[in-house]
């Protein structure tokens, strides 16, 4: 009886495993790799802007623990940050206000 159950369920498990494997490969090649490239381009661009701003923009997070998705930064003065967030909101960009612990603006 046990052997019969195994022979019935085994092909189903193998089919699911193959489909699961195929979808993982498909997702990896078609979605994740281009997305990862886009994330790294955004990160390099934003980091370059922060470094070349001459101190106008500053990143309060240590380089070794920065996120790939959210790049927080601060401006020279708090008034400039508030103005930046208001102007961004008028252009349809919302939720840019920084983290509670870090503050600033998110890119």
Protein backbone atom coordinates (compact mmCIF):
# COMPACT_ATOMS: atom_id res chain seq x y z
CA UNK A 1 0.00 0.00 0.00
CA UNK A 2 2.81 2.40 0.85
CA UNK A 3 4.57 1.81 -2.48
CA UNK A 4 1.35 2.54 -4.37
CA UNK A 5 0.94 5.86 -2.58
CA UNK A 6 4.51 6.83 -3.37
CA UNK A 7 4.10 5.98 -7.04
CA UNK A 8 0.99 8.13 -7.23
CA UNK A 9 2.35 11.17 -5.42
CA UNK A 10 5.90 11.11 -6.74
CA UNK A 11 5.16 12.29 -10.31
CA UNK A 12 3.02 15.12 -8.95
CA UNK A 13 5.82 16.24 -6.66
CA UNK A 14 8.32 16.08 -9.50
CA UNK A 15 6.07 18.15 -11.77
CA UNK A 16 5.65 20.78 -9.10
CA UNK A 17 9.37 20.85 -8.47
CA UNK A 18 10.15 21.30 -12.15
CA UNK A 19 7.56 24.08 -12.53
CA UNK A 20 8.82 25.72 -9.36
CA UNK A 21 12.43 25.51 -10.61
CA UNK A 22 11.45 26.83 -14.03
CA UNK A 23 9.60 29.80 -12.52
CA UNK A 24 12.55 30.61 -10.27
CA UNK A 25 14.91 30.62 -13.26
CA UNK A 26 12.46 32.70 -15.27
CA UNK A 27 12.07 35.22 -12.46
CA UNK A 28 15.81 35.38 -11.92
CA UNK A 29 16.68 35.97 -15.57
CA UNK A 30 13.80 38.13 -16.70
CA UNK A 31 12.91 40.16 -13.63
CA UNK A 32 15.51 40.16 -10.86
CA UNK A 33 18.69 40.72 -12.90
CA UNK A 34 17.40 43.79 -14.78
CA UNK A 35 15.89 45.09 -11.55
CA UNK A 36 19.16 44.57 -9.70
CA UNK A 37 21.04 46.48 -12.42
CA UNK A 38 18.54 49.33 -12.15
CA UNK A 39 18.91 49.43 -8.36
CA UNK A 40 22.72 49.54 -8.58
CA UNK A 41 22.58 52.32 -11.21
CA UNK A 42 20.28 54.35 -8.97
CA UNK A 43 22.54 53.75 -5.98
CA UNK A 44 25.71 54.74 -7.86
CA UNK A 45 24.03 57.85 -9.29
CA UNK A 46 22.62 59.02 -5.96
CA UNK A 47 25.87 58.31 -4.13
CA UNK A 48 27.79 60.25 -6.78
CA UNK A 49 25.44 63.22 -6.38
CA UNK A 50 25.86 63.14 -2.61
CA UNK A 51 29.65 63.03 -2.86
CA UNK A 52 29.98 65.73 -5.52
CA UNK A 53 27.53 68.19 -3.96
CA UNK A 54 30.23 69.91 -1.93
CA UNK A 55 28.41 69.32 1.35
CA UNK A 56 25.01 70.60 0.17
CA UNK A 57 23.63 67.05 0.43
CA UNK A 58 24.86 64.73 3.19
CA UNK A 59 24.08 61.10 3.90
CA UNK A 60 23.70 60.54 7.66
CA UNK A 61 24.00 56.74 7.33
CA UNK A 62 27.38 55.04 7.49
CA UNK A 63 28.49 53.69 4.11
CA UNK A 64 28.73 50.06 5.24
CA UNK A 65 25.08 49.87 6.36
CA UNK A 66 23.31 51.89 3.64
CA UNK A 67 20.23 50.44 2.01
CA UNK A 68 20.04 49.69 -1.70
CA UNK A 69 16.43 50.81 -1.93
CA UNK A 70 16.24 53.95 0.21
CA UNK A 71 19.04 56.47 0.13
CA UNK A 72 18.43 59.01 2.90
CA UNK A 73 20.07 62.41 2.70
CA UNK A 74 19.92 65.74 4.46
CA UNK A 75 20.24 69.22 3.04
CA UNK A 76 22.31 72.07 4.50
CA UNK A 77 19.45 73.46 6.58
CA UNK A 78 16.16 72.13 7.89
CA UNK A 79 14.27 74.89 6.04
CA UNK A 80 15.68 73.66 2.72
CA UNK A 81 14.52 70.11 3.55
CA UNK A 82 10.99 71.31 4.31
CA UNK A 83 10.91 73.34 1.08
CA UNK A 84 12.25 70.38 -0.89
CA UNK A 85 9.59 68.04 0.51
CA UNK A 86 6.80 70.57 -0.17
CA UNK A 87 7.93 71.16 -3.74
CA UNK A 88 8.26 67.42 -4.35
CA UNK A 89 4.72 66.90 -3.00
CA UNK A 90 3.41 69.54 -5.41
CA UNK A 91 5.00 67.50 -8.24
CA UNK A 92 3.28 64.30 -7.07
CA UNK A 93 6.20 62.78 -5.17
CA UNK A 94 4.98 61.80 -1.73
CA UNK A 95 6.41 59.90 1.24
CA UNK A 96 9.89 61.35 0.78
CA UNK A 97 10.21 62.44 4.38
CA UNK A 98 13.08 60.55 5.99
CA UNK A 99 13.20 57.92 8.65
CA UNK A 100 12.43 58.76 12.30
CA UNK A 101 15.90 57.77 13.44
CA UNK A 102 17.83 59.34 10.54
CA UNK A 103 15.60 62.20 9.38
CA UNK A 104 16.21 64.02 6.15
CA UNK A 105 14.74 63.00 2.80
CA UNK A 106 14.59 59.64 1.01
CA UNK A 107 15.72 59.20 -2.55
